[in-house]
Amino acid sequence: MKALTLISAFLGGAIVGCSAALLFAPEKGEDVRTKLCNILKKKGIKISDKEVDALVAELAGAEE
């Protein structure tokens, strides 16, 4: 396969994947973090915004 064809296929797939992710994402990340913080507070767990960000980063790293 030619290198240009391979690169074109990769870029095309990346564009389609990003577009699908944007279209099908249920909510913005900020909204999800807010909901997560509220749920934890209702359970009696006090957590700061920095701790939520660290938790999200850790969970995102675990999925890979």
N, C-alpha and C. Protein backbone atom coordinates (compact mmCIF):
# COMPACT_ATOMS: atom_id res chain seq x y z
N MET A 1 0.84 -1.17 0.00
CA MET A 1 0.00 0.00 0.00
C MET A 1 0.89 1.24 0.00
N LYS A 2 0.52 2.20 -0.77
CA LYS A 2 1.30 3.43 -0.80
C LYS A 2 1.19 4.17 0.52
N ALA A 3 2.25 4.86 0.86
CA ALA A 3 2.27 5.59 2.13
C ALA A 3 1.20 6.67 2.17
N LEU A 4 0.99 7.35 1.03
CA LEU A 4 -0.02 8.40 0.98
C LEU A 4 -1.42 7.84 1.19
N THR A 5 -1.69 6.67 0.63
CA THR A 5 -2.99 6.02 0.81
C THR A 5 -3.19 5.63 2.27
N LEU A 6 -2.16 5.12 2.88
CA LEU A 6 -2.23 4.72 4.28
C LEU A 6 -2.48 5.92 5.19
N ILE A 7 -1.78 7.00 4.93
CA ILE A 7 -1.95 8.22 5.73
C ILE A 7 -3.35 8.79 5.51
N SER A 8 -3.83 8.78 4.28
CA SER A 8 -5.17 9.29 3.98
C SER A 8 -6.23 8.46 4.69
N ALA A 9 -6.07 7.15 4.70
CA ALA A 9 -7.02 6.27 5.37
C ALA A 9 -7.01 6.53 6.88
N PHE A 10 -5.84 6.70 7.45
CA PHE A 10 -5.73 6.97 8.88
C PHE A 10 -6.39 8.30 9.24
N LEU A 11 -6.09 9.34 8.49
CA LEU A 11 -6.67 10.66 8.76
C LEU A 11 -8.19 10.64 8.57
N GLY A 12 -8.66 9.95 7.55
CA GLY A 12 -10.10 9.84 7.32
C GLY A 12 -10.79 9.14 8.48
N GLY A 13 -10.18 8.06 8.98
CA GLY A 13 -10.74 7.34 10.12
C GLY A 13 -10.73 8.17 11.38
N ALA A 14 -9.67 8.94 11.57
CA ALA A 14 -9.59 9.81 12.75
C ALA A 14 -10.66 10.89 12.71
N ILE A 15 -10.90 11.46 11.55
CA ILE A 15 -11.92 12.50 11.40
C ILE A 15 -13.31 11.92 11.66
N VAL A 16 -13.58 10.76 11.09
CA VAL A 16 -14.88 10.12 11.31
C VAL A 16 -15.06 9.76 12.78
N GLY A 17 -14.03 9.24 13.42
CA GLY A 17 -14.11 8.88 14.83
C GLY A 17 -14.35 10.08 15.72
N CYS A 18 -13.64 11.16 15.48
CA CYS A 18 -13.83 12.38 16.28
C CYS A 18 -15.23 12.95 16.08
N SER A 19 -15.69 12.94 14.85
CA SER A 19 -17.03 13.45 14.57
C SER A 19 -18.09 12.62 15.29
N ALA A 20 -17.95 11.31 15.25
CA ALA A 20 -18.91 10.43 15.93
C ALA A 20 -18.88 10.66 17.44
N ALA A 21 -17.70 10.83 18.00
CA ALA A 21 -17.58 11.07 19.44
C ALA A 21 -18.27 12.37 19.83
N LEU A 22 -18.11 13.40 19.04
CA LEU A 22 -18.76 14.67 19.34
C LEU A 22 -20.28 14.58 19.20
N LEU A 23 -20.74 13.84 18.23
CA LEU A 23 -22.18 13.72 18.01
C LEU A 23 -22.87 12.87 19.06
N PHE A 24 -22.20 11.81 19.52
CA PHE A 24 -22.84 10.86 20.41
C PHE A 24 -22.48 11.04 21.88
N ALA A 25 -21.65 12.00 22.20
CA ALA A 25 -21.31 12.24 23.61
C ALA A 25 -22.56 12.73 24.33
N PRO A 26 -22.93 12.09 25.43
CA PRO A 26 -24.18 12.45 26.09
C PRO A 26 -24.15 13.83 26.76
N GLU A 27 -23.04 14.20 27.34
CA GLU A 27 -22.95 15.48 28.05
C GLU A 27 -21.52 15.99 28.00
N LYS A 28 -21.39 17.28 28.32
CA LYS A 28 -20.05 17.85 28.40
C LYS A 28 -19.34 17.30 29.63
N GLY A 29 -18.03 17.24 29.57
CA GLY A 29 -17.23 16.74 30.69
C GLY A 29 -17.44 17.52 31.97
N GLU A 30 -17.61 18.82 31.83
CA GLU A 30 -17.83 19.68 33.00
C GLU A 30 -19.13 19.30 33.71
N ASP A 31 -20.17 18.99 32.92
CA ASP A 31 -21.45 18.59 33.52
C ASP A 31 -21.33 17.25 34.24
N VAL A 32 -20.58 16.33 33.65
CA VAL A 32 -20.39 15.02 34.27
C VAL A 32 -19.62 15.16 35.58
N ARG A 33 -18.61 16.01 35.59
CA ARG A 33 -17.83 16.24 36.82
C ARG A 33 -18.72 16.84 37.92
N THR A 34 -19.59 17.78 37.54
CA THR A 34 -20.49 18.40 38.51
C THR A 34 -21.45 17.36 39.10
N LYS A 35 -21.99 16.51 38.24
CA LYS A 35 -22.89 15.46 38.71
C LYS A 35 -22.16 14.50 39.65
N LEU A 36 -20.95 14.13 39.27
CA LEU A 36 -20.15 13.24 40.10
C LEU A 36 -19.90 13.86 41.47
N CYS A 37 -19.57 15.14 41.50
CA CYS A 37 -19.33 15.84 42.75
C CYS A 37 -20.59 15.86 43.60
N ASN A 38 -21.73 16.13 43.00
CA ASN A 38 -22.99 16.18 43.73
C ASN A 38 -23.37 14.82 44.30
N ILE A 39 -23.18 13.77 43.54
CA ILE A 39 -23.49 12.41 44.01
C ILE A 39 -22.62 12.06 45.21
N LEU A 40 -21.33 12.37 45.12
CA LEU A 40 -20.43 12.07 46.23
C LEU A 40 -20.78 12.88 47.47
N LYS A 41 -21.18 14.13 47.28
CA LYS A 41 -21.56 14.97 48.43
C LYS A 41 -22.81 14.43 49.10
N LYS A 42 -23.76 13.93 48.31
CA LYS A 42 -24.98 13.34 48.88
C LYS A 42 -24.66 12.09 49.71
N LYS A 43 -23.60 11.38 49.32
CA LYS A 43 -23.18 10.19 50.06
C LYS A 43 -22.33 10.54 51.28
N GLY A 44 -22.07 11.84 51.47
CA GLY A 44 -21.30 12.27 52.63
C GLY A 44 -19.80 12.32 52.38
N ILE A 45 -19.41 12.24 51.13
CA ILE A 45 -17.99 12.30 50.79
C ILE A 45 -17.66 13.71 50.32
N LYS A 46 -16.80 14.39 51.06
CA LYS A 46 -16.40 15.74 50.67
C LYS A 46 -15.22 15.63 49.73
N ILE A 47 -15.33 16.28 48.57
CA ILE A 47 -14.29 16.20 47.56
C ILE A 47 -14.15 17.54 46.87
N SER A 48 -12.93 17.94 46.61
CA SER A 48 -12.68 19.22 45.94
C SER A 48 -12.67 19.02 44.42
N ASP A 49 -12.72 20.14 43.70
CA ASP A 49 -12.68 20.08 42.25
C ASP A 49 -11.37 19.46 41.74
N LYS A 50 -10.28 19.76 42.43
CA LYS A 50 -8.98 19.20 42.03
C LYS A 50 -8.98 17.68 42.21
N GLU A 51 -9.60 17.22 43.28
CA GLU A 51 -9.67 15.77 43.52
C GLU A 51 -10.54 15.08 42.49
N VAL A 52 -11.62 15.74 42.08
CA VAL A 52 -12.48 15.18 41.03
C VAL A 52 -11.70 15.10 39.73
N ASP A 53 -10.97 16.15 39.40
CA ASP A 53 -10.16 16.14 38.17
C ASP A 53 -9.12 15.02 38.21
N ALA A 54 -8.50 14.82 39.36
CA ALA A 54 -7.51 13.74 39.50
C ALA A 54 -8.17 12.38 39.35
N LEU A 55 -9.36 12.22 39.92
CA LEU A 55 -10.10 10.96 39.81
C LEU A 55 -10.47 10.68 38.36
N VAL A 56 -10.95 11.69 37.66
CA VAL A 56 -11.31 11.53 36.25
C VAL A 56 -10.08 11.16 35.43
N ALA A 57 -8.96 11.81 35.69
CA ALA A 57 -7.73 11.51 34.96
C ALA A 57 -7.29 10.08 35.23
N GLU A 58 -7.42 9.64 36.47
CA GLU A 58 -7.03 8.28 36.82
C GLU A 58 -7.95 7.26 36.14
N LEU A 59 -9.23 7.53 36.13
CA LEU A 59 -10.17 6.62 35.47
C LEU A 59 -9.95 6.59 33.96
N ALA A 60 -9.65 7.73 33.37
CA ALA A 60 -9.40 7.79 31.94
C ALA A 60 -8.13 7.00 31.59
N GLY A 61 -7.15 7.05 32.46
CA GLY A 61 -5.91 6.31 32.23
C GLY A 61 -6.10 4.82 32.38
N ALA A 62 -7.04 4.41 33.23
CA ALA A 62 -7.29 2.98 33.46
C ALA A 62 -8.00 2.34 32.28
N GLU A 63 -8.73 3.14 31.48
CA GLU A 63 -9.47 2.59 30.34
C GLU A 63 -8.55 2.24 29.19
N GLU A 64 -7.41 2.88 29.12
CA GLU A 64 -6.51 2.68 27.97
C GLU A 64 -5.76 1.40 28.05
